[in-house]
Amino acid sequence: MSTAHTTSDQAGAWTVMQRIYEAEAAYVAAGGFGKASYDDVAAYLDPEVTLHQAPGLPFTGSGTWRGHDGMERFLARFSAVWESMEFLEQEHWGDGDTVVVRSRVRFRARATGREVDTLIVQLITVRDGRMLECRPFYWDPGAIADACRPDTAV
């Protein structure tokens, strides 16, 4: 069941991202595509949203995801890889239309049950209270990939 959200033209980038992080974590925990509503995430995304993911990770695909459809496809892929994501620590710099967020995140892989505790830095731009662009940078992409590979030793 989806809940209606209102976004404010005055919502700063950090406030928007806090809401997105909560909605993404709930989406992943509920099982992702076909099991969870995407509406709670979409409420905080600009119609022209663009996500630039680093290539080579199990969930990044082409690397660039555009619009609501692209973001829904990305989150479907992301939630197929991850069983859970928990934000352990977060710091942010800036607000208004742009924020840099440093997150310590613990992921648990669906295929292996392995956990990885890593840092992610994101450069985020918002427009009219919704995320317009996001560029995440992963501290240890190798550890993320290894957690998802069934043939990797624990």
N, C-alpha and C. Protein backbone atom coordinates (compact mmCIF):
# COMPACT_ATOMS: atom_id res chain seq x y z
N MET A 1 0.84 -1.17 0.00
CA MET A 1 0.00 0.00 0.00
C MET A 1 0.89 1.24 0.00
N SER A 2 0.61 2.17 -0.83
CA SER A 2 1.39 3.38 -0.96
C SER A 2 0.76 4.50 -0.15
N THR A 3 1.64 5.36 0.34
CA THR A 3 1.15 6.54 1.04
C THR A 3 1.43 7.75 0.19
N ALA A 4 0.55 8.71 0.23
CA ALA A 4 0.73 9.93 -0.56
C ALA A 4 1.75 10.82 0.14
N HIS A 5 2.59 11.43 -0.64
CA HIS A 5 3.60 12.34 -0.12
C HIS A 5 3.43 13.68 -0.80
N THR A 6 3.69 14.71 -0.09
CA THR A 6 3.74 16.02 -0.71
C THR A 6 5.17 16.50 -0.61
N THR A 7 5.64 17.10 -1.67
CA THR A 7 6.97 17.68 -1.64
C THR A 7 6.82 19.18 -1.68
N SER A 8 7.70 19.85 -1.04
CA SER A 8 7.66 21.30 -0.99
C SER A 8 8.71 21.87 -1.92
N ASP A 9 8.37 22.94 -2.62
CA ASP A 9 9.36 23.62 -3.44
C ASP A 9 10.51 24.12 -2.58
N GLN A 10 10.28 24.27 -1.29
CA GLN A 10 11.30 24.78 -0.37
C GLN A 10 12.14 23.67 0.24
N ALA A 11 11.83 22.40 0.01
CA ALA A 11 12.59 21.30 0.61
C ALA A 11 14.01 21.31 0.10
N GLY A 12 14.97 21.33 1.03
CA GLY A 12 16.37 21.30 0.66
C GLY A 12 16.79 19.93 0.19
N ALA A 13 17.95 19.89 -0.43
CA ALA A 13 18.46 18.63 -0.98
C ALA A 13 18.62 17.56 0.09
N TRP A 14 19.11 17.94 1.27
CA TRP A 14 19.31 16.94 2.33
C TRP A 14 17.98 16.37 2.79
N THR A 15 16.97 17.19 2.95
CA THR A 15 15.65 16.72 3.36
C THR A 15 15.08 15.75 2.33
N VAL A 16 15.22 16.10 1.06
CA VAL A 16 14.74 15.22 -0.02
C VAL A 16 15.47 13.88 0.04
N MET A 17 16.78 13.91 0.24
CA MET A 17 17.55 12.67 0.26
C MET A 17 17.21 11.81 1.47
N GLN A 18 16.97 12.42 2.62
CA GLN A 18 16.55 11.63 3.77
C GLN A 18 15.29 10.84 3.45
N ARG A 19 14.36 11.47 2.78
CA ARG A 19 13.09 10.82 2.42
C ARG A 19 13.33 9.71 1.39
N ILE A 20 14.21 9.97 0.44
CA ILE A 20 14.52 8.95 -0.58
C ILE A 20 15.20 7.75 0.07
N TYR A 21 16.17 7.98 0.96
CA TYR A 21 16.86 6.87 1.62
C TYR A 21 15.88 5.98 2.37
N GLU A 22 14.95 6.59 3.09
CA GLU A 22 13.94 5.81 3.82
C GLU A 22 13.07 5.01 2.87
N ALA A 23 12.63 5.64 1.79
CA ALA A 23 11.76 4.95 0.83
C ALA A 23 12.51 3.83 0.10
N GLU A 24 13.77 4.06 -0.27
CA GLU A 24 14.57 3.01 -0.93
C GLU A 24 14.79 1.81 -0.01
N ALA A 25 15.15 2.08 1.24
CA ALA A 25 15.39 0.99 2.18
C ALA A 25 14.13 0.16 2.38
N ALA A 26 12.98 0.81 2.48
CA ALA A 26 11.71 0.10 2.64
C ALA A 26 11.39 -0.72 1.39
N TYR A 27 11.66 -0.16 0.21
CA TYR A 27 11.41 -0.85 -1.07
C TYR A 27 12.25 -2.11 -1.15
N VAL A 28 13.54 -2.00 -0.84
CA VAL A 28 14.45 -3.16 -0.89
C VAL A 28 14.02 -4.20 0.14
N ALA A 29 13.73 -3.77 1.37
CA ALA A 29 13.34 -4.71 2.43
C ALA A 29 12.05 -5.45 2.09
N ALA A 30 11.16 -4.80 1.36
CA ALA A 30 9.89 -5.43 0.99
C ALA A 30 10.04 -6.39 -0.20
N GLY A 31 11.22 -6.45 -0.79
CA GLY A 31 11.44 -7.40 -1.88
C GLY A 31 11.58 -6.78 -3.24
N GLY A 32 11.39 -5.45 -3.34
CA GLY A 32 11.60 -4.78 -4.62
C GLY A 32 10.49 -4.98 -5.62
N PHE A 33 10.85 -4.96 -6.88
CA PHE A 33 9.91 -4.97 -7.99
C PHE A 33 8.93 -6.13 -7.88
N GLY A 34 7.65 -5.81 -8.03
CA GLY A 34 6.59 -6.82 -7.97
C GLY A 34 6.13 -7.14 -6.56
N LYS A 35 6.90 -6.71 -5.57
CA LYS A 35 6.55 -6.98 -4.18
C LYS A 35 6.35 -5.71 -3.37
N ALA A 36 6.90 -4.61 -3.84
CA ALA A 36 6.84 -3.34 -3.11
C ALA A 36 6.35 -2.25 -4.05
N SER A 37 5.75 -1.25 -3.49
CA SER A 37 5.30 -0.11 -4.28
C SER A 37 6.46 0.83 -4.54
N TYR A 38 6.61 1.23 -5.77
CA TYR A 38 7.63 2.18 -6.19
C TYR A 38 7.17 3.62 -5.93
N ASP A 39 5.89 3.82 -5.69
CA ASP A 39 5.32 5.16 -5.54
C ASP A 39 5.98 5.99 -4.45
N ASP A 40 6.37 5.35 -3.34
CA ASP A 40 6.97 6.10 -2.23
C ASP A 40 8.34 6.66 -2.62
N VAL A 41 9.07 5.98 -3.49
CA VAL A 41 10.34 6.50 -4.00
C VAL A 41 10.07 7.56 -5.06
N ALA A 42 9.20 7.25 -6.00
CA ALA A 42 8.91 8.14 -7.12
C ALA A 42 8.43 9.52 -6.67
N ALA A 43 7.79 9.59 -5.52
CA ALA A 43 7.28 10.87 -5.01
C ALA A 43 8.38 11.90 -4.83
N TYR A 44 9.62 11.45 -4.69
CA TYR A 44 10.74 12.36 -4.45
C TYR A 44 11.68 12.48 -5.63
N LEU A 45 11.25 12.02 -6.79
CA LEU A 45 12.09 12.06 -7.99
C LEU A 45 11.51 13.02 -9.02
N ASP A 46 12.35 13.89 -9.54
CA ASP A 46 11.96 14.78 -10.62
C ASP A 46 11.65 13.92 -11.85
N PRO A 47 10.69 14.30 -12.69
CA PRO A 47 10.40 13.51 -13.90
C PRO A 47 11.63 13.34 -14.81
N GLU A 48 12.59 14.27 -14.74
CA GLU A 48 13.79 14.19 -15.57
C GLU A 48 15.00 13.68 -14.79
N VAL A 49 14.75 12.96 -13.70
CA VAL A 49 15.82 12.46 -12.85
C VAL A 49 16.83 11.63 -13.65
N THR A 50 18.11 11.78 -13.29
CA THR A 50 19.18 10.98 -13.90
C THR A 50 20.07 10.46 -12.78
N LEU A 51 20.32 9.16 -12.81
CA LEU A 51 21.24 8.51 -11.88
C LEU A 51 22.43 8.02 -12.69
N HIS A 52 23.62 8.41 -12.27
CA HIS A 52 24.86 7.99 -12.94
C HIS A 52 25.56 7.00 -12.01
N GLN A 53 25.49 5.72 -12.32
CA GLN A 53 26.13 4.68 -11.52
C GLN A 53 27.46 4.29 -12.14
N ALA A 54 28.42 3.94 -11.29
CA ALA A 54 29.72 3.47 -11.77
C ALA A 54 29.54 2.12 -12.47
N PRO A 55 30.21 1.90 -13.58
CA PRO A 55 30.10 0.60 -14.25
C PRO A 55 30.80 -0.50 -13.45
N GLY A 56 30.40 -1.73 -13.70
CA GLY A 56 31.10 -2.86 -13.12
C GLY A 56 30.51 -3.43 -11.85
N LEU A 57 29.51 -2.78 -11.28
CA LEU A 57 28.88 -3.33 -10.08
C LEU A 57 27.68 -4.18 -10.47
N PRO A 58 27.29 -5.12 -9.62
CA PRO A 58 26.22 -6.07 -9.99
C PRO A 58 24.86 -5.43 -10.27
N PHE A 59 24.67 -4.18 -9.93
CA PHE A 59 23.37 -3.54 -10.08
C PHE A 59 23.39 -2.31 -10.98
N THR A 60 24.53 -2.00 -11.61
CA THR A 60 24.63 -0.73 -12.31
C THR A 60 24.18 -0.78 -13.77
N GLY A 61 24.17 -1.94 -14.36
CA GLY A 61 23.72 -2.02 -15.76
C GLY A 61 24.50 -1.09 -16.65
N SER A 62 23.80 -0.30 -17.44
CA SER A 62 24.43 0.61 -18.39
C SER A 62 25.16 1.75 -17.70
N GLY A 63 24.85 1.99 -16.44
CA GLY A 63 25.49 3.07 -15.71
C GLY A 63 24.65 4.32 -15.61
N THR A 64 23.82 4.61 -16.58
CA THR A 64 22.99 5.81 -16.55
C THR A 64 21.52 5.40 -16.61
N TRP A 65 20.75 5.91 -15.67
CA TRP A 65 19.32 5.60 -15.57
C TRP A 65 18.57 6.92 -15.59
N ARG A 66 17.59 7.04 -16.49
CA ARG A 66 16.89 8.32 -16.68
C ARG A 66 15.39 8.18 -16.50
N GLY A 67 14.82 9.23 -15.91
CA GLY A 67 13.37 9.31 -15.75
C GLY A 67 12.82 8.34 -14.72
N HIS A 68 11.54 8.44 -14.48
CA HIS A 68 10.90 7.55 -13.50
C HIS A 68 11.00 6.09 -13.92
N ASP A 69 10.83 5.80 -15.21
CA ASP A 69 10.93 4.41 -15.67
C ASP A 69 12.33 3.87 -15.47
N GLY A 70 13.33 4.69 -15.80
CA GLY A 70 14.71 4.25 -15.61
C GLY A 70 15.04 4.00 -14.15
N MET A 71 14.57 4.88 -13.28
CA MET A 71 14.82 4.70 -11.85
C MET A 71 14.10 3.47 -11.31
N GLU A 72 12.91 3.21 -11.81
CA GLU A 72 12.19 2.01 -11.36
C GLU A 72 12.93 0.76 -11.82
N ARG A 73 13.44 0.77 -13.06
CA ARG A 73 14.23 -0.38 -13.54
C ARG A 73 15.50 -0.54 -12.71
N PHE A 74 16.15 0.59 -12.39
CA PHE A 74 17.36 0.51 -11.55
C PHE A 74 17.02 -0.10 -10.19
N LEU A 75 15.98 0.41 -9.53
CA LEU A 75 15.64 -0.11 -8.21
C LEU A 75 15.20 -1.56 -8.25
N ALA A 76 14.58 -1.99 -9.35
CA ALA A 76 14.23 -3.40 -9.50
C ALA A 76 15.51 -4.23 -9.53
N ARG A 77 16.48 -3.79 -10.29
CA ARG A 77 17.76 -4.50 -10.38
C ARG A 77 18.50 -4.45 -9.04
N PHE A 78 18.53 -3.27 -8.42
CA PHE A 78 19.19 -3.08 -7.14
C PHE A 78 18.59 -4.01 -6.08
N SER A 79 17.26 -4.06 -6.00
CA SER A 79 16.61 -4.88 -4.98
C SER A 79 16.70 -6.37 -5.29
N ALA A 80 16.96 -6.74 -6.55
CA ALA A 80 17.20 -8.15 -6.86
C ALA A 80 18.57 -8.58 -6.34
N VAL A 81 19.50 -7.64 -6.25
CA VAL A 81 20.86 -7.92 -5.76
C VAL A 81 20.91 -7.87 -4.24
N TRP A 82 20.25 -6.88 -3.64
CA TRP A 82 20.35 -6.65 -2.19
C TRP A 82 19.09 -7.04 -1.46
N GLU A 83 19.24 -7.73 -0.36
CA GLU A 83 18.14 -8.11 0.52
C GLU A 83 17.83 -6.99 1.50
N SER A 84 18.88 -6.27 1.91
CA SER A 84 18.67 -5.16 2.82
C SER A 84 19.77 -4.13 2.65
N MET A 85 19.46 -2.90 3.06
CA MET A 85 20.45 -1.84 3.13
C MET A 85 20.14 -1.02 4.37
N GLU A 86 21.18 -0.80 5.17
CA GLU A 86 21.00 -0.08 6.42
C GLU A 86 22.00 1.07 6.45
N PHE A 87 21.50 2.27 6.64
CA PHE A 87 22.36 3.44 6.74
C PHE A 87 22.84 3.54 8.18
N LEU A 88 24.14 3.35 8.38
CA LEU A 88 24.72 3.32 9.71
C LEU A 88 25.17 4.70 10.18
N GLU A 89 25.72 5.47 9.27
CA GLU A 89 26.16 6.84 9.57
C GLU A 89 25.94 7.67 8.32
N GLN A 90 25.60 8.93 8.51
CA GLN A 90 25.50 9.84 7.37
C GLN A 90 25.97 11.22 7.78
N GLU A 91 26.70 11.84 6.88
CA GLU A 91 27.09 13.23 7.01
C GLU A 91 26.72 13.90 5.70
N HIS A 92 26.44 15.19 5.78
CA HIS A 92 26.11 15.90 4.54
C HIS A 92 26.67 17.31 4.58
N TRP A 93 26.97 17.83 3.39
CA TRP A 93 27.47 19.19 3.24
C TRP A 93 26.66 19.85 2.14
N GLY A 94 26.24 21.07 2.41
CA GLY A 94 25.42 21.80 1.45
C GLY A 94 23.95 21.55 1.70
N ASP A 95 23.16 22.24 0.98
CA ASP A 95 21.71 22.07 1.02
C ASP A 95 21.17 22.91 -0.12
N GLY A 96 20.00 23.48 0.02
CA GLY A 96 19.46 24.20 -1.12
C GLY A 96 19.23 23.23 -2.26
N ASP A 97 19.87 23.48 -3.40
CA ASP A 97 19.69 22.63 -4.58
C ASP A 97 20.73 21.52 -4.70
N THR A 98 21.81 21.59 -3.91
CA THR A 98 22.88 20.61 -4.05
C THR A 98 23.36 20.16 -2.68
N VAL A 99 23.64 18.88 -2.56
CA VAL A 99 24.18 18.33 -1.32
C VAL A 99 25.15 17.21 -1.65
N VAL A 100 26.18 17.08 -0.83
CA VAL A 100 27.09 15.95 -0.88
C VAL A 100 26.81 15.13 0.37
N VAL A 101 26.57 13.84 0.18
CA VAL A 101 26.23 12.96 1.31
C VAL A 101 27.26 11.84 1.38
N ARG A 102 27.81 11.66 2.57
CA ARG A 102 28.71 10.54 2.85
C ARG A 102 27.94 9.59 3.75
N SER A 103 27.76 8.36 3.26
CA SER A 103 26.99 7.37 4.01
C SER A 103 27.84 6.13 4.25
N ARG A 104 27.77 5.63 5.46
CA ARG A 104 28.30 4.30 5.75
C ARG A 104 27.07 3.39 5.70
N VAL A 105 27.13 2.43 4.80
CA VAL A 105 25.96 1.58 4.53
C VAL A 105 26.34 0.12 4.69
N ARG A 106 25.43 -0.65 5.26
CA ARG A 106 25.59 -2.10 5.33
C ARG A 106 24.55 -2.72 4.41
N PHE A 107 25.03 -3.46 3.42
CA PHE A 107 24.19 -4.18 2.48
C PHE A 107 24.26 -5.67 2.80
N ARG A 108 23.16 -6.39 2.53
CA ARG A 108 23.16 -7.86 2.60
C ARG A 108 22.72 -8.36 1.23
N ALA A 109 23.56 -9.20 0.62
CA ALA A 109 23.28 -9.72 -0.72
C ALA A 109 22.22 -10.82 -0.67
N ARG A 110 21.28 -10.78 -1.61
CA ARG A 110 20.23 -11.81 -1.68
C ARG A 110 20.81 -13.18 -2.04
N ALA A 111 21.71 -13.22 -3.01
CA ALA A 111 22.20 -14.49 -3.52
C ALA A 111 23.09 -15.22 -2.52
N THR A 112 23.84 -14.49 -1.70
CA THR A 112 24.83 -15.13 -0.83
C THR A 112 24.56 -14.95 0.66
N GLY A 113 23.73 -13.95 1.01
CA GLY A 113 23.51 -13.64 2.42
C GLY A 113 24.67 -12.89 3.06
N ARG A 114 25.71 -12.63 2.28
CA ARG A 114 26.87 -11.92 2.81
C ARG A 114 26.56 -10.43 2.99
N GLU A 115 27.21 -9.86 4.00
CA GLU A 115 27.07 -8.43 4.26
C GLU A 115 28.34 -7.71 3.87
N VAL A 116 28.19 -6.47 3.46
CA VAL A 116 29.32 -5.60 3.19
C VAL A 116 29.00 -4.25 3.83
N ASP A 117 29.98 -3.74 4.56
CA ASP A 117 29.87 -2.44 5.23
C ASP A 117 30.80 -1.52 4.45
N THR A 118 30.26 -0.48 3.81
CA THR A 118 31.07 0.35 2.93
C THR A 118 30.66 1.81 3.00
N LEU A 119 31.49 2.64 2.40
CA LEU A 119 31.19 4.07 2.31
C LEU A 119 30.77 4.42 0.90
N ILE A 120 29.80 5.32 0.81
CA ILE A 120 29.34 5.84 -0.47
C ILE A 120 29.26 7.36 -0.33
N VAL A 121 29.79 8.07 -1.29
CA VAL A 121 29.66 9.53 -1.35
C VAL A 121 28.80 9.84 -2.56
N GLN A 122 27.79 10.66 -2.38
CA GLN A 122 26.89 11.02 -3.47
C GLN A 122 26.85 12.54 -3.65
N LEU A 123 26.90 12.96 -4.89
CA LEU A 123 26.67 14.35 -5.26
C LEU A 123 25.27 14.42 -5.82
N ILE A 124 24.40 15.19 -5.17
CA ILE A 124 22.97 15.19 -5.50
C ILE A 124 22.50 16.61 -5.80
N THR A 125 21.68 16.73 -6.84
CA THR A 125 21.02 17.98 -7.18
C THR A 125 19.52 17.76 -7.11
N VAL A 126 18.81 18.72 -6.54
CA VAL A 126 17.35 18.65 -6.50
C VAL A 126 16.76 19.84 -7.26
N ARG A 127 15.53 19.66 -7.67
CA ARG A 127 14.76 20.73 -8.31
C ARG A 127 13.33 20.61 -7.82
N ASP A 128 12.79 21.70 -7.33
CA ASP A 128 11.41 21.75 -6.85
C ASP A 128 11.11 20.64 -5.84
N GLY A 129 12.05 20.39 -4.93
CA GLY A 129 11.81 19.41 -3.86
C GLY A 129 11.91 17.96 -4.28
N ARG A 130 12.52 17.69 -5.44
CA ARG A 130 12.68 16.31 -5.93
C ARG A 130 14.10 16.13 -6.46
N MET A 131 14.62 14.90 -6.33
CA MET A 131 15.96 14.63 -6.83
C MET A 131 15.99 14.72 -8.34
N LEU A 132 16.92 15.52 -8.86
CA LEU A 132 17.09 15.70 -10.30
C LEU A 132 18.27 14.86 -10.82
N GLU A 133 19.36 14.82 -10.05
CA GLU A 133 20.54 14.10 -10.50
C GLU A 133 21.30 13.55 -9.30
N CYS A 134 21.87 12.36 -9.47
CA CYS A 134 22.66 11.73 -8.42
C CYS A 134 23.86 11.03 -9.04
N ARG A 135 25.04 11.29 -8.44
CA ARG A 135 26.29 10.64 -8.84
C ARG A 135 26.90 10.00 -7.60
N PRO A 136 26.70 8.68 -7.41
CA PRO A 136 27.31 8.00 -6.26
C PRO A 136 28.73 7.52 -6.58
N PHE A 137 29.59 7.56 -5.56
CA PHE A 137 30.96 7.06 -5.65
C PHE A 137 31.16 6.06 -4.52
N TYR A 138 31.52 4.83 -4.86
CA TYR A 138 31.66 3.75 -3.90
C TYR A 138 33.12 3.62 -3.47
N TRP A 139 33.36 3.54 -2.17
CA TRP A 139 34.71 3.44 -1.64
C TRP A 139 35.37 2.13 -2.07
N ASP A 140 34.65 1.01 -1.98
CA ASP A 140 35.25 -0.29 -2.28
C ASP A 140 34.32 -1.11 -3.18
N PRO A 141 34.31 -0.79 -4.48
CA PRO A 141 33.43 -1.53 -5.38
C PRO A 141 33.76 -3.02 -5.45
N GLY A 142 35.03 -3.38 -5.22
CA GLY A 142 35.40 -4.80 -5.23
C GLY A 142 34.71 -5.58 -4.12
N ALA A 143 34.64 -5.01 -2.93
CA ALA A 143 33.96 -5.67 -1.81
C ALA A 143 32.47 -5.82 -2.08
N ILE A 144 31.89 -4.82 -2.73
CA ILE A 144 30.46 -4.90 -3.07
C ILE A 144 30.23 -6.04 -4.06
N ALA A 145 31.05 -6.11 -5.10
CA ALA A 145 30.92 -7.18 -6.10
C ALA A 145 31.16 -8.55 -5.48
N ASP A 146 32.18 -8.66 -4.62
CA ASP A 146 32.49 -9.94 -3.98
C ASP A 146 31.35 -10.45 -3.11
N ALA A 147 30.67 -9.55 -2.41
CA ALA A 147 29.57 -9.96 -1.53
C ALA A 147 28.44 -10.61 -2.33
N CYS A 148 28.34 -10.27 -3.61
CA CYS A 148 27.25 -10.77 -4.44
C CYS A 148 27.61 -12.02 -5.23
N ARG A 149 28.89 -12.36 -5.31
CA ARG A 149 29.32 -13.51 -6.09
C ARG A 149 29.23 -14.80 -5.29
N PRO A 150 28.40 -15.73 -5.73
CA PRO A 150 28.26 -17.00 -5.00
C PRO A 150 29.58 -17.78 -4.89
N ASP A 151 30.49 -17.59 -5.84
CA ASP A 151 31.73 -18.37 -5.84
C ASP A 151 32.85 -17.73 -5.04
N THR A 152 32.60 -16.61 -4.38
CA THR A 152 33.62 -15.91 -3.60
C THR A 152 33.65 -16.48 -2.18
N ALA A 153 34.83 -16.79 -1.70
CA ALA A 153 34.96 -17.33 -0.34
C ALA A 153 34.55 -16.29 0.69
N VAL A 154 33.96 -16.76 1.77
CA VAL A 154 33.49 -15.86 2.84
C VAL A 154 34.65 -15.28 3.60
